[in-house]
């Protein structure tokens, strides 16, 4: 989509805010997030926690989903978990204004020392799970999907190979 955006700086966050608030058929002020509803994957720490605060401050309803979520637990390495959580949200809320994926699983180890199970988990949480969440979320026409990556894909950090490759794909 022409409005894909990599968010790594404060100005990127402001541009994200603008894109989230942009609605074609809304009586609300153009930049208002008030009464919008967003599913936030990975809302318990890091950038997800900060985005959660920002959205609530702007008057948006945030539906947090993560492994530790009480109401909508999700395991990104498990497609049926993703489908179940997002179907439950659709039953409760109907279509939402957006899906924001901030979850990440960082395992810092040389590739040679990772088991196939470790590699599978890193890929499923950081790439495949994000794709499945995008597929299963029910977003209203004109809504948004925002997938957060990491600067790790461009910085060549030791022990980050699989994680960095997944974030580059995002």
C-alpha atoms as a PDB file:
ATOM      1  CA  UNK A   1       0.000   0.000   0.000  1.00  0.00           C
ATOM      2  CA  UNK A   2       1.235   3.512  -0.741  1.00  0.00           C
ATOM      3  CA  UNK A   3       1.034   4.504   2.930  1.00  0.00           C
ATOM      4  CA  UNK A   4       3.305   1.784   4.366  1.00  0.00           C
ATOM      5  CA  UNK A   5       5.425   3.360   7.068  1.00  0.00           C
ATOM      6  CA  UNK A   6       8.417   2.165   9.051  1.00  0.00           C
ATOM      7  CA  UNK A   7       8.180   3.642  12.555  1.00  0.00           C
ATOM      8  CA  UNK A   8      11.490   4.209  14.323  1.00  0.00           C
ATOM      9  CA  UNK A   9      11.514   7.903  15.245  1.00  0.00           C
ATOM     10  CA  UNK A  10       9.227  10.367  17.003  1.00  0.00           C
ATOM     11  CA  UNK A  11       8.297  11.971  13.676  1.00  0.00           C
ATOM     12  CA  UNK A  12       7.358   8.500  12.368  1.00  0.00           C
ATOM     13  CA  UNK A  13       5.026   8.124  15.368  1.00  0.00           C
ATOM     14  CA  UNK A  14       3.421  11.476  14.543  1.00  0.00           C
ATOM     15  CA  UNK A  15       2.924  10.380  10.935  1.00  0.00           C
ATOM     16  CA  UNK A  16       1.396   7.112  12.223  1.00  0.00           C
ATOM     17  CA  UNK A  17      -0.978   9.149  14.408  1.00  0.00           C
ATOM     18  CA  UNK A  18      -2.047  11.176  11.399  1.00  0.00           C
ATOM     19  CA  UNK A  19      -2.636   8.060   9.288  1.00  0.00           C
ATOM     20  CA  UNK A  20      -4.669   6.417  12.048  1.00  0.00           C
ATOM     21  CA  UNK A  21      -6.859   9.469  12.429  1.00  0.00           C
ATOM     22  CA  UNK A  22      -7.500   9.929   8.714  1.00  0.00           C
ATOM     23  CA  UNK A  23     -11.086   8.971   7.935  1.00  0.00           C
ATOM     24  CA  UNK A  24     -12.970   9.679   4.739  1.00  0.00           C
ATOM     25  CA  UNK A  25     -16.509   9.471   6.087  1.00  0.00           C
ATOM     26  CA  UNK A  26     -16.338  10.816   9.625  1.00  0.00           C
ATOM     27  CA  UNK A  27     -18.000  13.730  11.358  1.00  0.00           C
ATOM     28  CA  UNK A  28     -15.066  13.818  13.794  1.00  0.00           C
ATOM     29  CA  UNK A  29     -12.244  16.329  13.385  1.00  0.00           C
ATOM     30  CA  UNK A  30      -9.755  15.111  10.795  1.00  0.00           C
ATOM     31  CA  UNK A  31      -6.982  14.296  13.275  1.00  0.00           C
ATOM     32  CA  UNK A  32      -9.136  12.815  16.036  1.00  0.00           C
ATOM     33  CA  UNK A  33      -8.658   9.249  17.238  1.00  0.00           C
ATOM     34  CA  UNK A  34     -11.564   9.650  19.636  1.00  0.00           C
ATOM     35  CA  UNK A  35     -13.963   6.704  19.566  1.00  0.00           C
ATOM     36  CA  UNK A  36     -11.763   4.733  17.163  1.00  0.00           C
ATOM     37  CA  UNK A  37     -11.062   1.138  18.144  1.00  0.00           C
ATOM     38  CA  UNK A  38      -7.672  -0.499  17.629  1.00  0.00           C
ATOM     39  CA  UNK A  39      -6.425  -4.005  18.261  1.00  0.00           C
ATOM     40  CA  UNK A  40      -2.908  -3.749  19.643  1.00  0.00           C
ATOM     41  CA  UNK A  41      -0.798  -6.907  19.435  1.00  0.00           C
ATOM     42  CA  UNK A  42       2.099  -6.839  21.882  1.00  0.00           C
ATOM     43  CA  UNK A  43       0.816  -4.082  24.147  1.00  0.00           C
ATOM     44  CA  UNK A  44       2.545  -5.125  27.366  1.00  0.00           C
ATOM     45  CA  UNK A  45       6.014  -3.695  26.825  1.00  0.00           C
ATOM     46  CA  UNK A  46       8.301  -1.508  24.768  1.00  0.00           C
ATOM     47  CA  UNK A  47       6.822   0.446  21.897  1.00  0.00           C
ATOM     48  CA  UNK A  48       3.487  -1.380  22.218  1.00  0.00           C
ATOM     49  CA  UNK A  49       3.015  -0.098  25.753  1.00  0.00           C
ATOM     50  CA  UNK A  50       3.815   3.460  24.630  1.00  0.00           C
ATOM     51  CA  UNK A  51       1.418   3.258  21.675  1.00  0.00           C
ATOM     52  CA  UNK A  52      -1.282   1.954  24.018  1.00  0.00           C
ATOM     53  CA  UNK A  53      -0.835   5.053  26.217  1.00  0.00           C
ATOM     54  CA  UNK A  54      -0.823   7.374  23.186  1.00  0.00           C
ATOM     55  CA  UNK A  55      -4.010   5.902  21.730  1.00  0.00           C
ATOM     56  CA  UNK A  56      -5.867   6.086  25.047  1.00  0.00           C
ATOM     57  CA  UNK A  57      -4.672   9.657  25.584  1.00  0.00           C
ATOM     58  CA  UNK A  58      -6.188  10.512  22.192  1.00  0.00           C
ATOM     59  CA  UNK A  59      -9.528   8.946  23.183  1.00  0.00           C
ATOM     60  CA  UNK A  60      -9.245   5.708  21.233  1.00  0.00           C
ATOM     61  CA  UNK A  61     -10.408   2.362  22.539  1.00  0.00           C
ATOM     62  CA  UNK A  62      -7.515  -0.091  22.690  1.00  0.00           C
ATOM     63  CA  UNK A  63      -8.020  -3.843  22.680  1.00  0.00           C
ATOM     64  CA  UNK A  64      -4.726  -5.269  23.924  1.00  0.00           C
ATOM     65  CA  UNK A  65      -3.815  -8.793  22.899  1.00  0.00           C
ATOM     66  CA  UNK A  66      -0.685 -10.629  23.927  1.00  0.00           C
ATOM     67  CA  UNK A  67       0.455 -13.850  25.600  1.00  0.00           C
ATOM     68  CA  UNK A  68      -0.287 -12.295  28.994  1.00  0.00           C
ATOM     69  CA  UNK A  69      -3.621 -10.695  28.064  1.00  0.00           C
ATOM     70  CA  UNK A  70      -6.378 -11.818  30.421  1.00  0.00           C
ATOM     71  CA  UNK A  71      -9.288 -11.193  28.051  1.00  0.00           C
ATOM     72  CA  UNK A  72      -7.707 -12.004  24.677  1.00  0.00           C
ATOM     73  CA  UNK A  73      -4.588 -14.124  25.090  1.00  0.00           C
ATOM     74  CA  UNK A  74      -2.810 -14.804  21.833  1.00  0.00           C
ATOM     75  CA  UNK A  75       0.154 -16.942  20.887  1.00  0.00           C
ATOM     76  CA  UNK A  76       1.561 -15.706  17.603  1.00  0.00           C
ATOM     77  CA  UNK A  77       3.249 -19.037  16.946  1.00  0.00           C
ATOM     78  CA  UNK A  78      -0.188 -20.698  16.928  1.00  0.00           C
ATOM     79  CA  UNK A  79      -2.541 -19.799  14.019  1.00  0.00           C
ATOM     80  CA  UNK A  80      -5.624 -21.185  15.794  1.00  0.00           C
ATOM     81  CA  UNK A  81      -4.896 -18.944  18.809  1.00  0.00           C
ATOM     82  CA  UNK A  82      -4.740 -15.925  16.507  1.00  0.00           C
ATOM     83  CA  UNK A  83      -7.950 -16.867  14.720  1.00  0.00           C
ATOM     84  CA  UNK A  84      -9.795 -17.505  18.012  1.00  0.00           C
ATOM     85  CA  UNK A  85      -8.745 -14.217  19.635  1.00  0.00           C
ATOM     86  CA  UNK A  86      -9.544 -12.079  16.611  1.00  0.00           C
ATOM     87  CA  UNK A  87     -12.881 -13.833  16.018  1.00  0.00           C
ATOM     88  CA  UNK A  88     -13.838 -13.137  19.659  1.00  0.00           C
ATOM     89  CA  UNK A  89     -12.957  -9.461  19.212  1.00  0.00           C
ATOM     90  CA  UNK A  90     -15.072  -9.304  16.055  1.00  0.00           C
ATOM     91  CA  UNK A  91     -18.012 -10.853  17.926  1.00  0.00           C
ATOM     92  CA  UNK A  92     -17.690  -8.214  20.677  1.00  0.00           C
ATOM     93  CA  UNK A  93     -16.771  -5.134  18.655  1.00  0.00           C
ATOM     94  CA  UNK A  94     -17.580  -5.747  15.013  1.00  0.00           C
ATOM     95  CA  UNK A  95     -15.067  -4.326  12.572  1.00  0.00           C
ATOM     96  CA  UNK A  96     -12.345  -2.194  14.144  1.00  0.00           C
ATOM     97  CA  UNK A  97     -10.530   0.889  12.887  1.00  0.00           C
ATOM     98  CA  UNK A  98      -7.140  -0.751  12.866  1.00  0.00           C
ATOM     99  CA  UNK A  99      -4.703  -3.468  13.808  1.00  0.00           C
ATOM    100  CA  UNK A 100      -1.298  -2.538  15.191  1.00  0.00           C
ATOM    101  CA  UNK A 101       1.331  -5.280  15.472  1.00  0.00           C
ATOM    102  CA  UNK A 102       4.183  -4.490  17.863  1.00  0.00           C
ATOM    103  CA  UNK A 103       4.909  -7.951  19.263  1.00  0.00           C
ATOM    104  CA  UNK A 104       8.370  -9.354  18.969  1.00  0.00           C
ATOM    105  CA  UNK A 105      10.374 -12.284  20.237  1.00  0.00           C
ATOM    106  CA  UNK A 106      14.102 -11.577  20.420  1.00  0.00           C
ATOM    107  CA  UNK A 107      16.436 -14.479  20.973  1.00  0.00           C
ATOM    108  CA  UNK A 108      20.101 -13.465  20.834  1.00  0.00           C
ATOM    109  CA  UNK A 109      22.134 -16.510  19.884  1.00  0.00           C
ATOM    110  CA  UNK A 110      24.378 -17.496  17.000  1.00  0.00           C
ATOM    111  CA  UNK A 111      22.436 -19.351  14.300  1.00  0.00           C
ATOM    112  CA  UNK A 112      24.603 -22.465  14.762  1.00  0.00           C
ATOM    113  CA  UNK A 113      23.435 -22.823  18.364  1.00  0.00           C
ATOM    114  CA  UNK A 114      19.702 -22.439  17.684  1.00  0.00           C
ATOM    115  CA  UNK A 115      17.592 -25.582  17.471  1.00  0.00           C
ATOM    116  CA  UNK A 116      15.065 -26.002  14.677  1.00  0.00           C
ATOM    117  CA  UNK A 117      12.351 -25.451  17.307  1.00  0.00           C
ATOM    118  CA  UNK A 118      14.003 -22.158  18.364  1.00  0.00           C
ATOM    119  CA  UNK A 119      14.186 -20.988  14.734  1.00  0.00           C
ATOM    120  CA  UNK A 120      10.573 -21.985  14.149  1.00  0.00           C
ATOM    121  CA  UNK A 121       9.408 -19.986  17.189  1.00  0.00           C
ATOM    122  CA  UNK A 122      11.366 -16.855  16.233  1.00  0.00           C
ATOM    123  CA  UNK A 123       9.959 -16.921  12.683  1.00  0.00           C
ATOM    124  CA  UNK A 124       6.414 -17.688  13.788  1.00  0.00           C
ATOM    125  CA  UNK A 125       6.207 -14.904  16.367  1.00  0.00           C
ATOM    126  CA  UNK A 126       8.038 -12.218  14.392  1.00  0.00           C
ATOM    127  CA  UNK A 127       6.789 -12.901  10.869  1.00  0.00           C
ATOM    128  CA  UNK A 128       4.217 -15.630  10.314  1.00  0.00           C
ATOM    129  CA  UNK A 129       2.098 -14.660  13.327  1.00  0.00           C
ATOM    130  CA  UNK A 130       2.009 -11.034  12.194  1.00  0.00           C
ATOM    131  CA  UNK A 131       0.859 -12.138   8.726  1.00  0.00           C
ATOM    132  CA  UNK A 132      -1.862 -14.346  10.228  1.00  0.00           C
ATOM    133  CA  UNK A 133      -3.036 -11.511  12.489  1.00  0.00           C
ATOM    134  CA  UNK A 134      -3.338  -9.251   9.430  1.00  0.00           C
ATOM    135  CA  UNK A 135      -5.310 -11.941   7.618  1.00  0.00           C
ATOM    136  CA  UNK A 136      -7.712 -12.656  10.499  1.00  0.00           C
ATOM    137  CA  UNK A 137      -8.401  -9.132  11.786  1.00  0.00           C
ATOM    138  CA  UNK A 138     -11.725  -7.668  10.724  1.00  0.00           C
ATOM    139  CA  UNK A 139     -10.995  -4.058   9.842  1.00  0.00           C
ATOM    140  CA  UNK A 140     -13.551  -1.616   8.546  1.00  0.00           C
ATOM    141  CA  UNK A 141     -13.161  -0.225   5.044  1.00  0.00           C
ATOM    142  CA  UNK A 142     -10.677   2.634   5.206  1.00  0.00           C
ATOM    143  CA  UNK A 143      -9.099   1.236   8.379  1.00  0.00           C
ATOM    144  CA  UNK A 144      -5.401   0.618   8.895  1.00  0.00           C
ATOM    145  CA  UNK A 145      -2.872  -2.108   9.590  1.00  0.00           C
ATOM    146  CA  UNK A 146       0.418  -1.003  11.078  1.00  0.00           C
ATOM    147  CA  UNK A 147       3.197  -3.575  11.473  1.00  0.00           C
ATOM    148  CA  UNK A 148       6.208  -2.547  13.500  1.00  0.00           C
ATOM    149  CA  UNK A 149       9.599  -3.877  12.546  1.00  0.00           C
ATOM    150  CA  UNK A 150      12.965  -3.112  14.116  1.00  0.00           C
ATOM    151  CA  UNK A 151      16.120  -1.282  13.204  1.00  0.00           C
ATOM    152  CA  UNK A 152      17.868  -4.622  13.791  1.00  0.00           C
ATOM    153  CA  UNK A 153      17.305  -5.668  10.183  1.00  0.00           C
ATOM    154  CA  UNK A 154      19.682  -2.965   8.998  1.00  0.00           C
ATOM    155  CA  UNK A 155      22.302  -2.903  11.747  1.00  0.00           C
ATOM    156  CA  UNK A 156      24.042  -6.306  11.539  1.00  0.00           C
ATOM    157  CA  UNK A 157      23.981  -7.231  15.237  1.00  0.00           C
ATOM    158  CA  UNK A 158      25.600 -10.503  16.244  1.00  0.00           C
ATOM    159  CA  UNK A 159      23.176 -13.240  17.267  1.00  0.00           C
ATOM    160  CA  UNK A 160      20.157 -11.496  15.725  1.00  0.00           C
ATOM    161  CA  UNK A 161      20.160 -13.274  12.325  1.00  0.00           C
ATOM    162  CA  UNK A 162      16.709 -14.891  12.294  1.00  0.00           C
ATOM    163  CA  UNK A 163      15.051 -12.051  14.229  1.00  0.00           C
ATOM    164  CA  UNK A 164      16.562  -9.450  11.890  1.00  0.00           C
ATOM    165  CA  UNK A 165      15.484 -11.378   8.786  1.00  0.00           C
ATOM    166  CA  UNK A 166      11.896 -11.527  10.080  1.00  0.00           C
ATOM    167  CA  UNK A 167      11.822  -7.825  10.916  1.00  0.00           C
ATOM    168  CA  UNK A 168      13.245  -7.010   7.481  1.00  0.00           C
ATOM    169  CA  UNK A 169      10.398  -9.001   5.940  1.00  0.00           C
ATOM    170  CA  UNK A 170       7.864  -6.970   7.949  1.00  0.00           C
END
